[in-house]
Amino acid sequence: MNIDVEILYSFGGETVIYKPKEFIFKEGEHSQYYFQIISGKVKLNTFTENGKEFIHNILGKNQSFGDPLLFIEKIYPTNAVSLQATEVVRLPKNNFIEMIKTHPDLSLEMNICLSQRLYYNSLMVRDMASTDPIQRLKGLLDYLKSYHDGDCQQCFHVELTRQQIADLTGLRVETVIRTIKKMAHQEIVKLEGRRILY
């Protein structure tokens, strides 16, 4: 969701700058803020009991995170970590609720955004259950492309490393590399050097 930053500031939002690899919040902490990215990238991740990282999402400019938990009394199920120098506007929970009450149109926008997230999460769960690596990668690429303006074929630049794609899909890096080459051969994606276009 992308809320006008002037509205966020008028309700007590503050700008916070995070260094690369800095935790914005940790799994198990109580939700206290709405976060909206001004610049930079944030990954939502968890770690298995043996220390393997699983990336749930990578977010960029104008995307929000932490907002679904502001309506329920639950702890964060993931970490939020900056991937690079990242500037966010954060708004305290009570101020966020007051803003939604004052601007009911934002509530409708939020419902649309949350519905889209739930829809794509359902698709991702389906695709992650597949043993076909092409199906897994297509599911991820469809999800990422859904946040991209424009509806052209092979024009969406996937701004993820092969390692990040592996972490998001639960595949090995080697499998991702082979599968991307196979997808390029099938003209599902286009490769320009190391860039992937979908």
C-alpha atoms as a PDB file:
ATOM      1  CA  MET A   1       0.000   0.000   0.000  1.00  0.00           C
ATOM      2  CA  ASN A   2       1.239   3.473  -0.788  1.00  0.00           C
ATOM      3  CA  ILE A   3      -0.169   6.265   1.386  1.00  0.00           C
ATOM      4  CA  ASP A   4       0.640   9.905   0.625  1.00  0.00           C
ATOM      5  CA  VAL A   5       3.633  10.670   2.869  1.00  0.00           C
ATOM      6  CA  GLU A   6       2.199  14.094   3.753  1.00  0.00           C
ATOM      7  CA  ILE A   7      -0.787  12.330   5.318  1.00  0.00           C
ATOM      8  CA  LEU A   8       1.576  10.012   7.205  1.00  0.00           C
ATOM      9  CA  TYR A   9       3.593  12.983   8.502  1.00  0.00           C
ATOM     10  CA  SER A  10       0.424  14.865   9.497  1.00  0.00           C
ATOM     11  CA  PHE A  11      -0.491  11.941  11.770  1.00  0.00           C
ATOM     12  CA  GLY A  12       2.922  11.763  13.426  1.00  0.00           C
ATOM     13  CA  GLY A  13       4.906   9.732  10.917  1.00  0.00           C
ATOM     14  CA  GLU A  14       8.672  10.011  11.164  1.00  0.00           C
ATOM     15  CA  THR A  15      11.476   9.298   8.722  1.00  0.00           C
ATOM     16  CA  VAL A  16      13.941   6.614   9.780  1.00  0.00           C
ATOM     17  CA  ILE A  17      17.059   5.647   7.824  1.00  0.00           C
ATOM     18  CA  TYR A  18      18.412   2.119   8.163  1.00  0.00           C
ATOM     19  CA  LYS A  19      21.896   0.956   7.233  1.00  0.00           C
ATOM     20  CA  PRO A  20      22.348  -2.117   5.019  1.00  0.00           C
ATOM     21  CA  LYS A  21      21.578  -5.375   6.896  1.00  0.00           C
ATOM     22  CA  GLU A  22      20.008  -3.486   9.825  1.00  0.00           C
ATOM     23  CA  PHE A  23      16.947  -5.028  11.495  1.00  0.00           C
ATOM     24  CA  ILE A  24      13.821  -2.897  11.274  1.00  0.00           C
ATOM     25  CA  PHE A  25      11.978  -5.400  13.444  1.00  0.00           C
ATOM     26  CA  LYS A  26      12.618  -8.966  14.548  1.00  0.00           C
ATOM     27  CA  GLU A  27      10.501 -12.081  14.532  1.00  0.00           C
ATOM     28  CA  GLY A  28       8.671 -12.344  17.861  1.00  0.00           C
ATOM     29  CA  GLU A  29       8.482  -8.593  18.554  1.00  0.00           C
ATOM     30  CA  HIS A  30       5.100  -6.898  18.959  1.00  0.00           C
ATOM     31  CA  SER A  31       3.869  -4.806  16.059  1.00  0.00           C
ATOM     32  CA  GLN A  32       4.081  -1.109  16.839  1.00  0.00           C
ATOM     33  CA  TYR A  33       4.321   0.709  13.494  1.00  0.00           C
ATOM     34  CA  TYR A  34       3.118   1.002   9.927  1.00  0.00           C
ATOM     35  CA  PHE A  35       6.180   1.151   7.652  1.00  0.00           C
ATOM     36  CA  GLN A  36       6.344   2.617   4.141  1.00  0.00           C
ATOM     37  CA  ILE A  37       9.513   2.540   2.051  1.00  0.00           C
ATOM     38  CA  ILE A  38      10.658   5.863   0.590  1.00  0.00           C
ATOM     39  CA  SER A  39      13.854   4.449  -0.924  1.00  0.00           C
ATOM     40  CA  GLY A  40      15.871   1.254  -0.646  1.00  0.00           C
ATOM     41  CA  LYS A  41      14.868  -2.379  -0.242  1.00  0.00           C
ATOM     42  CA  VAL A  42      13.657  -4.494   2.677  1.00  0.00           C
ATOM     43  CA  LYS A  43      13.511  -8.268   2.931  1.00  0.00           C
ATOM     44  CA  LEU A  44      11.144 -10.181   5.174  1.00  0.00           C
ATOM     45  CA  ASN A  45      12.818 -13.389   6.301  1.00  0.00           C
ATOM     46  CA  THR A  46      12.964 -16.173   8.849  1.00  0.00           C
ATOM     47  CA  PHE A  47      15.574 -18.775   9.681  1.00  0.00           C
ATOM     48  CA  THR A  48      15.072 -22.512  10.098  1.00  0.00           C
ATOM     49  CA  GLU A  49      16.291 -24.241  13.254  1.00  0.00           C
ATOM     50  CA  ASN A  50      19.526 -25.155  11.430  1.00  0.00           C
ATOM     51  CA  GLY A  51      20.129 -21.538  10.388  1.00  0.00           C
ATOM     52  CA  LYS A  52      18.971 -21.658   6.750  1.00  0.00           C
ATOM     53  CA  GLU A  53      17.415 -18.375   5.647  1.00  0.00           C
ATOM     54  CA  PHE A  54      13.988 -18.338   4.021  1.00  0.00           C
ATOM     55  CA  ILE A  55      13.037 -15.056   2.331  1.00  0.00           C
ATOM     56  CA  HIS A  56       9.296 -14.363   2.377  1.00  0.00           C
ATOM     57  CA  ASN A  57       9.375 -11.165   0.366  1.00  0.00           C
ATOM     58  CA  ILE A  58      11.587  -8.370  -0.912  1.00  0.00           C
ATOM     59  CA  LEU A  59       9.958  -4.949  -0.936  1.00  0.00           C
ATOM     60  CA  GLY A  60      10.950  -1.654  -2.532  1.00  0.00           C
ATOM     61  CA  LYS A  61       9.959   1.974  -2.970  1.00  0.00           C
ATOM     62  CA  ASN A  62       6.345   2.884  -2.086  1.00  0.00           C
ATOM     63  CA  GLN A  63       5.577  -0.539  -0.619  1.00  0.00           C
ATOM     64  CA  SER A  64       4.437  -0.992   2.959  1.00  0.00           C
ATOM     65  CA  PHE A  65       4.995  -3.709   5.523  1.00  0.00           C
ATOM     66  CA  GLY A  66       3.933  -4.508   9.055  1.00  0.00           C
ATOM     67  CA  ASP A  67       0.440  -3.170   8.398  1.00  0.00           C
ATOM     68  CA  PRO A  68      -1.655  -6.376   8.597  1.00  0.00           C
ATOM     69  CA  LEU A  69      -0.574  -6.943  12.207  1.00  0.00           C
ATOM     70  CA  LEU A  70      -1.730  -3.486  13.315  1.00  0.00           C
ATOM     71  CA  PHE A  71      -5.310  -4.767  13.392  1.00  0.00           C
ATOM     72  CA  ILE A  72      -4.627  -7.865  15.497  1.00  0.00           C
ATOM     73  CA  GLU A  73      -2.624  -8.433  18.658  1.00  0.00           C
ATOM     74  CA  LYS A  74      -0.007 -10.781  17.208  1.00  0.00           C
ATOM     75  CA  ILE A  75       3.785 -10.773  17.117  1.00  0.00           C
ATOM     76  CA  TYR A  76       5.803 -10.404  13.929  1.00  0.00           C
ATOM     77  CA  PRO A  77       6.133 -13.804  12.210  1.00  0.00           C
ATOM     78  CA  THR A  78       9.199 -12.593  10.254  1.00  0.00           C
ATOM     79  CA  ASN A  79      12.183 -10.286  10.489  1.00  0.00           C
ATOM     80  CA  ALA A  80      12.362  -7.108   8.404  1.00  0.00           C
ATOM     81  CA  VAL A  81      15.938  -6.331   7.330  1.00  0.00           C
ATOM     82  CA  SER A  82      17.222  -3.549   5.086  1.00  0.00           C
ATOM     83  CA  LEU A  83      19.127  -4.855   2.060  1.00  0.00           C
ATOM     84  CA  GLN A  84      20.752  -1.485   1.375  1.00  0.00           C
ATOM     85  CA  ALA A  85      20.567   2.020   2.823  1.00  0.00           C
ATOM     86  CA  THR A  86      16.809   2.335   3.252  1.00  0.00           C
ATOM     87  CA  GLU A  87      14.606   5.273   4.172  1.00  0.00           C
ATOM     88  CA  VAL A  88      11.160   4.557   5.590  1.00  0.00           C
ATOM     89  CA  VAL A  89       8.335   6.529   7.099  1.00  0.00           C
ATOM     90  CA  ARG A  90       6.994   4.814  10.179  1.00  0.00           C
ATOM     91  CA  LEU A  91       3.737   5.671  11.879  1.00  0.00           C
ATOM     92  CA  PRO A  92       2.855   4.465  15.399  1.00  0.00           C
ATOM     93  CA  LYS A  93       0.003   1.963  15.606  1.00  0.00           C
ATOM     94  CA  ASN A  94      -2.468   4.251  17.428  1.00  0.00           C
ATOM     95  CA  ASN A  95      -1.785   7.096  14.984  1.00  0.00           C
ATOM     96  CA  PHE A  96      -2.277   4.684  12.082  1.00  0.00           C
ATOM     97  CA  ILE A  97      -5.690   3.593  13.418  1.00  0.00           C
ATOM     98  CA  GLU A  98      -6.673   7.259  13.908  1.00  0.00           C
ATOM     99  CA  MET A  99      -5.580   8.041  10.336  1.00  0.00           C
ATOM    100  CA  ILE A 100      -7.741   5.200   8.970  1.00  0.00           C
ATOM    101  CA  LYS A 101     -10.745   6.497  10.947  1.00  0.00           C
ATOM    102  CA  THR A 102     -10.172  10.047   9.673  1.00  0.00           C
ATOM    103  CA  HIS A 103      -9.619   8.930   6.059  1.00  0.00           C
ATOM    104  CA  PRO A 104     -12.022   6.018   5.436  1.00  0.00           C
ATOM    105  CA  ASP A 105     -10.989   5.910   1.762  1.00  0.00           C
ATOM    106  CA  LEU A 106      -7.608   4.613   2.974  1.00  0.00           C
ATOM    107  CA  SER A 107      -9.412   1.711   4.612  1.00  0.00           C
ATOM    108  CA  LEU A 108     -10.835   0.653   1.253  1.00  0.00           C
ATOM    109  CA  GLU A 109      -7.392   0.964  -0.381  1.00  0.00           C
ATOM    110  CA  MET A 110      -5.917  -1.108   2.438  1.00  0.00           C
ATOM    111  CA  ASN A 111      -8.552  -3.818   1.961  1.00  0.00           C
ATOM    112  CA  ILE A 112      -7.703  -3.964  -1.749  1.00  0.00           C
ATOM    113  CA  CYS A 113      -3.983  -4.180  -0.960  1.00  0.00           C
ATOM    114  CA  LEU A 114      -4.451  -6.879   1.693  1.00  0.00           C
ATOM    115  CA  SER A 115      -6.735  -8.837  -0.647  1.00  0.00           C
ATOM    116  CA  GLN A 116      -4.086  -8.723  -3.361  1.00  0.00           C
ATOM    117  CA  ARG A 117      -1.442  -9.940  -0.896  1.00  0.00           C
ATOM    118  CA  LEU A 118      -3.673 -12.815   0.254  1.00  0.00           C
ATOM    119  CA  TYR A 119      -4.414 -13.767  -3.345  1.00  0.00           C
ATOM    120  CA  TYR A 120      -0.752 -13.883  -4.326  1.00  0.00           C
ATOM    121  CA  ASN A 121       0.207 -15.640  -1.081  1.00  0.00           C
ATOM    122  CA  SER A 122      -2.308 -18.367  -1.977  1.00  0.00           C
ATOM    123  CA  LEU A 123      -0.765 -18.667  -5.440  1.00  0.00           C
ATOM    124  CA  MET A 124       2.741 -18.746  -3.969  1.00  0.00           C
ATOM    125  CA  VAL A 125       1.792 -21.529  -1.537  1.00  0.00           C
ATOM    126  CA  ARG A 126       0.353 -23.504  -4.455  1.00  0.00           C
ATOM    127  CA  ASP A 127       3.460 -22.927  -6.567  1.00  0.00           C
ATOM    128  CA  MET A 128       5.865 -23.709  -3.709  1.00  0.00           C
ATOM    129  CA  ALA A 129       4.142 -27.077  -3.275  1.00  0.00           C
ATOM    130  CA  SER A 130       4.986 -27.909  -6.892  1.00  0.00           C
ATOM    131  CA  THR A 131       8.009 -30.091  -7.579  1.00  0.00           C
ATOM    132  CA  ASP A 132       8.427 -28.339 -10.953  1.00  0.00           C
ATOM    133  CA  PRO A 133      11.047 -25.573 -10.572  1.00  0.00           C
ATOM    134  CA  ILE A 134       9.634 -23.690 -13.586  1.00  0.00           C
ATOM    135  CA  GLN A 135       6.245 -23.509 -11.847  1.00  0.00           C
ATOM    136  CA  ARG A 136       7.911 -22.199  -8.678  1.00  0.00           C
ATOM    137  CA  LEU A 137       9.859 -19.525 -10.549  1.00  0.00           C
ATOM    138  CA  LYS A 138       6.854 -18.472 -12.643  1.00  0.00           C
ATOM    139  CA  GLY A 139       4.809 -18.092  -9.457  1.00  0.00           C
ATOM    140  CA  LEU A 140       7.463 -15.835  -7.944  1.00  0.00           C
ATOM    141  CA  LEU A 141       7.894 -13.809 -11.133  1.00  0.00           C
ATOM    142  CA  ASP A 142       4.122 -13.349 -11.527  1.00  0.00           C
ATOM    143  CA  TYR A 143       3.957 -12.090  -7.942  1.00  0.00           C
ATOM    144  CA  LEU A 144       6.844  -9.653  -8.413  1.00  0.00           C
ATOM    145  CA  LYS A 145       5.463  -8.426 -11.732  1.00  0.00           C
ATOM    146  CA  SER A 146       2.076  -7.720 -10.102  1.00  0.00           C
ATOM    147  CA  TYR A 147       3.709  -4.712  -8.377  1.00  0.00           C
ATOM    148  CA  HIS A 148       5.087  -3.424 -11.692  1.00  0.00           C
ATOM    149  CA  ASP A 149       3.201  -0.878 -13.787  1.00  0.00           C
ATOM    150  CA  GLY A 150       2.807  -2.001 -17.357  1.00  0.00           C
ATOM    151  CA  ASP A 151       1.607  -5.167 -18.997  1.00  0.00           C
ATOM    152  CA  CYS A 152       4.235  -6.025 -21.569  1.00  0.00           C
ATOM    153  CA  GLN A 153       5.917  -9.341 -22.190  1.00  0.00           C
ATOM    154  CA  GLN A 154       9.531  -9.707 -21.088  1.00  0.00           C
ATOM    155  CA  CYS A 155       9.913  -6.065 -20.048  1.00  0.00           C
ATOM    156  CA  PHE A 156       9.830  -6.507 -16.258  1.00  0.00           C
ATOM    157  CA  HIS A 157      13.396  -6.446 -14.918  1.00  0.00           C
ATOM    158  CA  VAL A 158      13.748  -8.909 -12.032  1.00  0.00           C
ATOM    159  CA  GLU A 159      15.937  -7.074  -9.524  1.00  0.00           C
ATOM    160  CA  LEU A 160      16.898 -10.164  -7.539  1.00  0.00           C
ATOM    161  CA  THR A 161      20.090 -12.169  -7.463  1.00  0.00           C
ATOM    162  CA  ARG A 162      19.976 -15.872  -8.255  1.00  0.00           C
ATOM    163  CA  GLN A 163      20.641 -16.493  -4.540  1.00  0.00           C
ATOM    164  CA  GLN A 164      17.660 -14.337  -3.522  1.00  0.00           C
ATOM    165  CA  ILE A 165      15.446 -16.160  -6.031  1.00  0.00           C
ATOM    166  CA  ALA A 166      16.629 -19.461  -4.538  1.00  0.00           C
ATOM    167  CA  ASP A 167      15.891 -18.229  -1.008  1.00  0.00           C
ATOM    168  CA  LEU A 168      12.409 -17.067  -2.053  1.00  0.00           C
ATOM    169  CA  THR A 169      11.509 -20.328  -3.794  1.00  0.00           C
ATOM    170  CA  GLY A 170      13.234 -22.891  -1.588  1.00  0.00           C
ATOM    171  CA  LEU A 171      15.356 -24.092  -4.516  1.00  0.00           C
ATOM    172  CA  ARG A 172      19.125 -24.488  -4.730  1.00  0.00           C
ATOM    173  CA  VAL A 173      21.011 -21.737  -6.570  1.00  0.00           C
ATOM    174  CA  GLU A 174      22.227 -24.261  -9.134  1.00  0.00           C
ATOM    175  CA  THR A 175      18.631 -25.317  -9.820  1.00  0.00           C
ATOM    176  CA  VAL A 176      17.586 -21.674 -10.234  1.00  0.00           C
ATOM    177  CA  ILE A 177      20.397 -21.039 -12.737  1.00  0.00           C
ATOM    178  CA  ARG A 178      19.517 -24.143 -14.800  1.00  0.00           C
ATOM    179  CA  THR A 179      15.793 -23.381 -14.666  1.00  0.00           C
ATOM    180  CA  ILE A 180      16.229 -19.760 -15.748  1.00  0.00           C
ATOM    181  CA  LYS A 181      18.271 -20.936 -18.747  1.00  0.00           C
ATOM    182  CA  LYS A 182      15.542 -23.459 -19.595  1.00  0.00           C
ATOM    183  CA  MET A 183      12.874 -20.734 -19.248  1.00  0.00           C
ATOM    184  CA  ALA A 184      14.901 -18.478 -21.566  1.00  0.00           C
ATOM    185  CA  HIS A 185      15.111 -21.308 -24.112  1.00  0.00           C
ATOM    186  CA  GLN A 186      11.307 -21.694 -23.858  1.00  0.00           C
ATOM    187  CA  GLU A 187      10.981 -17.876 -24.251  1.00  0.00           C
ATOM    188  CA  ILE A 188       9.267 -17.495 -20.877  1.00  0.00           C
ATOM    189  CA  VAL A 189      12.001 -15.072 -19.800  1.00  0.00           C
ATOM    190  CA  LYS A 190      14.624 -13.127 -21.698  1.00  0.00           C
ATOM    191  CA  LEU A 191      18.239 -12.891 -20.551  1.00  0.00           C
ATOM    192  CA  GLU A 192      20.353  -9.796 -21.201  1.00  0.00           C
ATOM    193  CA  GLY A 193      23.705 -10.593 -19.655  1.00  0.00           C
ATOM    194  CA  ARG A 194      22.870 -11.312 -16.005  1.00  0.00           C
ATOM    195  CA  ARG A 195      19.554  -9.450 -16.190  1.00  0.00           C
ATOM    196  CA  ILE A 196      16.326 -11.423 -16.225  1.00  0.00           C
ATOM    197  CA  LEU A 197      13.366  -9.897 -18.074  1.00  0.00           C
ATOM    198  CA  TYR A 198       9.901 -11.373 -17.547  1.00  0.00           C
END
